[in-house]
Amino acid sequence: MPVVEQYARAHILTDDDMQDDLGAVPVVLRYDADADPRSVRVGLPGGREWTFPRALLEQGLRVPTGTGEVRVWPCGRVQAVVEFHSSQGVSVVQLEMKTLIRFLRRTYMAAAVEPVGHR
């Protein structure tokens, strides 16, 4: 099955004040149905990457949700916040909702693609 990889820009928010914007940074959204059809990965600068359920990302666009090291919640109508916990601390990033929705749609389309010769 195809791998979905989407590059996006995210805003890193400080731990002290969620409104402080430290500027846009590149992130990579990935989905590989062969590796795990129920999970997505988000890669941040510095090689940090989190894998978590695709359903968590989808649900977090509507209502606050979280599990383990990842929390997702809507921030107004246009933004979503994703919070990643690790032994090094917390990374809080803000992404455009339309970017995440586009990515999720692409993951469902990729999962629906049937390999050639499998009918």
C-alpha atoms as a PDB file:
ATOM      1  CA  MET A   1       0.000   0.000   0.000  1.00  0.00           C
ATOM      2  CA  PRO A   2       1.150   3.571  -0.585  1.00  0.00           C
ATOM      3  CA  VAL A   3       2.880   5.600   2.083  1.00  0.00           C
ATOM      4  CA  VAL A   4       1.444   9.053   2.740  1.00  0.00           C
ATOM      5  CA  GLU A   5       3.989  11.712   3.660  1.00  0.00           C
ATOM      6  CA  GLN A   6       2.943  15.316   4.030  1.00  0.00           C
ATOM      7  CA  TYR A   7       5.168  18.219   4.959  1.00  0.00           C
ATOM      8  CA  ALA A   8       3.657  21.001   7.032  1.00  0.00           C
ATOM      9  CA  ARG A   9       4.605  24.039   9.068  1.00  0.00           C
ATOM     10  CA  ALA A  10       3.843  24.105  12.775  1.00  0.00           C
ATOM     11  CA  HIS A  11       4.213  26.737  15.428  1.00  0.00           C
ATOM     12  CA  ILE A  12       6.059  25.712  18.569  1.00  0.00           C
ATOM     13  CA  LEU A  13       4.421  27.058  21.711  1.00  0.00           C
ATOM     14  CA  THR A  14       6.302  27.560  24.952  1.00  0.00           C
ATOM     15  CA  ASP A  15       5.498  25.586  28.077  1.00  0.00           C
ATOM     16  CA  ASP A  16       5.128  28.803  30.087  1.00  0.00           C
ATOM     17  CA  ASP A  17       2.600  30.649  27.961  1.00  0.00           C
ATOM     18  CA  MET A  18       0.600  28.777  25.332  1.00  0.00           C
ATOM     19  CA  GLN A  19       0.180  32.020  23.361  1.00  0.00           C
ATOM     20  CA  ASP A  20       3.908  32.675  22.829  1.00  0.00           C
ATOM     21  CA  ASP A  21       4.749  31.799  19.244  1.00  0.00           C
ATOM     22  CA  LEU A  22       8.372  30.807  18.629  1.00  0.00           C
ATOM     23  CA  GLY A  23       7.953  30.710  14.857  1.00  0.00           C
ATOM     24  CA  ALA A  24       7.066  28.128  12.252  1.00  0.00           C
ATOM     25  CA  VAL A  25       9.081  24.924  12.002  1.00  0.00           C
ATOM     26  CA  PRO A  26       8.857  22.101   9.468  1.00  0.00           C
ATOM     27  CA  VAL A  27       7.088  18.902  10.510  1.00  0.00           C
ATOM     28  CA  VAL A  28       6.409  15.680   8.624  1.00  0.00           C
ATOM     29  CA  LEU A  29       3.134  13.798   8.867  1.00  0.00           C
ATOM     30  CA  ARG A  30       3.465  10.132   7.851  1.00  0.00           C
ATOM     31  CA  TYR A  31       1.186   7.167   7.370  1.00  0.00           C
ATOM     32  CA  ASP A  32       2.267   3.687   6.296  1.00  0.00           C
ATOM     33  CA  ALA A  33      -0.597   1.218   6.059  1.00  0.00           C
ATOM     34  CA  ASP A  34       1.816  -1.698   5.698  1.00  0.00           C
ATOM     35  CA  ALA A  35       3.658  -0.837   8.907  1.00  0.00           C
ATOM     36  CA  ASP A  36       0.543  -0.068  10.994  1.00  0.00           C
ATOM     37  CA  PRO A  37      -2.766   0.854   9.342  1.00  0.00           C
ATOM     38  CA  ARG A  38      -4.145   2.341  12.559  1.00  0.00           C
ATOM     39  CA  SER A  39      -1.260   4.719  13.344  1.00  0.00           C
ATOM     40  CA  VAL A  40       0.202   7.981  12.122  1.00  0.00           C
ATOM     41  CA  ARG A  41       3.613   9.492  12.815  1.00  0.00           C
ATOM     42  CA  VAL A  42       4.577  13.100  13.361  1.00  0.00           C
ATOM     43  CA  GLY A  43       8.207  14.052  12.922  1.00  0.00           C
ATOM     44  CA  LEU A  44       9.538  17.243  14.491  1.00  0.00           C
ATOM     45  CA  PRO A  45      12.874  18.964  13.892  1.00  0.00           C
ATOM     46  CA  GLY A  46      15.835  17.282  15.519  1.00  0.00           C
ATOM     47  CA  GLY A  47      14.688  13.802  14.548  1.00  0.00           C
ATOM     48  CA  ARG A  48      12.014  13.540  17.232  1.00  0.00           C
ATOM     49  CA  GLU A  49       9.088  11.423  16.066  1.00  0.00           C
ATOM     50  CA  TRP A  50       5.899  10.229  17.716  1.00  0.00           C
ATOM     51  CA  THR A  51       3.653   7.393  16.580  1.00  0.00           C
ATOM     52  CA  PHE A  52       0.076   7.349  17.816  1.00  0.00           C
ATOM     53  CA  PRO A  53      -3.398   6.173  16.760  1.00  0.00           C
ATOM     54  CA  ARG A  54      -4.835   7.872  13.681  1.00  0.00           C
ATOM     55  CA  ALA A  55      -8.206   7.926  15.472  1.00  0.00           C
ATOM     56  CA  LEU A  56      -6.662  10.069  18.223  1.00  0.00           C
ATOM     57  CA  LEU A  57      -5.659  12.724  15.702  1.00  0.00           C
ATOM     58  CA  GLU A  58      -9.078  12.633  14.065  1.00  0.00           C
ATOM     59  CA  GLN A  59     -10.979  12.856  17.350  1.00  0.00           C
ATOM     60  CA  GLY A  60      -8.695  15.601  18.655  1.00  0.00           C
ATOM     61  CA  LEU A  61      -9.756  17.884  15.821  1.00  0.00           C
ATOM     62  CA  ARG A  62     -13.260  17.928  17.336  1.00  0.00           C
ATOM     63  CA  VAL A  63     -12.773  17.540  21.102  1.00  0.00           C
ATOM     64  CA  PRO A  64      -9.787  17.430  23.458  1.00  0.00           C
ATOM     65  CA  THR A  65      -8.376  13.923  23.692  1.00  0.00           C
ATOM     66  CA  GLY A  66      -5.181  12.139  24.528  1.00  0.00           C
ATOM     67  CA  THR A  67      -3.477   8.934  25.448  1.00  0.00           C
ATOM     68  CA  GLY A  68       0.007   8.097  26.639  1.00  0.00           C
ATOM     69  CA  GLU A  69       2.493  10.658  25.351  1.00  0.00           C
ATOM     70  CA  VAL A  70       0.171  12.518  22.958  1.00  0.00           C
ATOM     71  CA  ARG A  71      -2.679  14.982  23.521  1.00  0.00           C
ATOM     72  CA  VAL A  72      -4.659  16.679  20.728  1.00  0.00           C
ATOM     73  CA  TRP A  73      -7.279  19.404  20.941  1.00  0.00           C
ATOM     74  CA  PRO A  74      -8.951  21.957  18.676  1.00  0.00           C
ATOM     75  CA  CYS A  75      -7.858  25.569  19.097  1.00  0.00           C
ATOM     76  CA  GLY A  76     -10.605  27.656  17.563  1.00  0.00           C
ATOM     77  CA  ARG A  77     -11.920  26.843  14.106  1.00  0.00           C
ATOM     78  CA  VAL A  78      -8.623  26.963  12.223  1.00  0.00           C
ATOM     79  CA  GLN A  79      -5.946  25.489  14.461  1.00  0.00           C
ATOM     80  CA  ALA A  80      -5.275  22.320  16.425  1.00  0.00           C
ATOM     81  CA  VAL A  81      -2.738  21.795  19.181  1.00  0.00           C
ATOM     82  CA  VAL A  82      -0.737  18.595  19.545  1.00  0.00           C
ATOM     83  CA  GLU A  83       1.209  18.032  22.745  1.00  0.00           C
ATOM     84  CA  PHE A  84       4.017  15.467  22.814  1.00  0.00           C
ATOM     85  CA  HIS A  85       5.456  14.229  26.132  1.00  0.00           C
ATOM     86  CA  SER A  86       8.894  12.621  26.369  1.00  0.00           C
ATOM     87  CA  SER A  87      11.652  12.142  28.928  1.00  0.00           C
ATOM     88  CA  GLN A  88      13.179  15.393  27.596  1.00  0.00           C
ATOM     89  CA  GLY A  89      10.028  17.402  28.330  1.00  0.00           C
ATOM     90  CA  VAL A  90       6.944  18.537  26.479  1.00  0.00           C
ATOM     91  CA  SER A  91       6.717  19.774  22.887  1.00  0.00           C
ATOM     92  CA  VAL A  92       3.548  21.707  22.104  1.00  0.00           C
ATOM     93  CA  VAL A  93       2.873  22.451  18.456  1.00  0.00           C
ATOM     94  CA  GLN A  94       0.039  24.232  16.709  1.00  0.00           C
ATOM     95  CA  LEU A  95      -0.970  23.158  13.201  1.00  0.00           C
ATOM     96  CA  GLU A  96      -3.592  24.317  10.764  1.00  0.00           C
ATOM     97  CA  MET A  97      -6.717  22.204  10.963  1.00  0.00           C
ATOM     98  CA  LYS A  98      -7.020  22.086   7.147  1.00  0.00           C
ATOM     99  CA  THR A  99      -3.533  20.563   6.905  1.00  0.00           C
ATOM    100  CA  LEU A 100      -4.429  17.805   9.358  1.00  0.00           C
ATOM    101  CA  ILE A 101      -7.776  17.130   7.674  1.00  0.00           C
ATOM    102  CA  ARG A 102      -6.087  16.893   4.269  1.00  0.00           C
ATOM    103  CA  PHE A 103      -3.534  14.483   5.706  1.00  0.00           C
ATOM    104  CA  LEU A 104      -6.225  12.300   7.309  1.00  0.00           C
ATOM    105  CA  ARG A 105      -8.191  12.174   4.049  1.00  0.00           C
ATOM    106  CA  ARG A 106      -5.070  11.081   2.201  1.00  0.00           C
ATOM    107  CA  THR A 107      -4.472   8.302   4.760  1.00  0.00           C
ATOM    108  CA  TYR A 108      -7.987   6.922   4.296  1.00  0.00           C
ATOM    109  CA  MET A 109      -7.623   7.085   0.510  1.00  0.00           C
ATOM    110  CA  ALA A 110      -4.285   5.251   0.718  1.00  0.00           C
ATOM    111  CA  ALA A 111      -5.767   2.561   2.962  1.00  0.00           C
ATOM    112  CA  ALA A 112      -8.606   2.055   0.479  1.00  0.00           C
ATOM    113  CA  VAL A 113      -6.228   1.489  -2.453  1.00  0.00           C
ATOM    114  CA  GLU A 114      -6.183  -2.185  -3.314  1.00  0.00           C
ATOM    115  CA  PRO A 115      -2.866  -3.521  -4.635  1.00  0.00           C
ATOM    116  CA  VAL A 116      -2.829  -4.559  -8.295  1.00  0.00           C
ATOM    117  CA  GLY A 117      -3.747  -8.225  -8.752  1.00  0.00           C
ATOM    118  CA  HIS A 118      -5.700  -8.488  -5.459  1.00  0.00           C
ATOM    119  CA  ARG A 119      -9.327  -8.620  -6.570  1.00  0.00           C
END
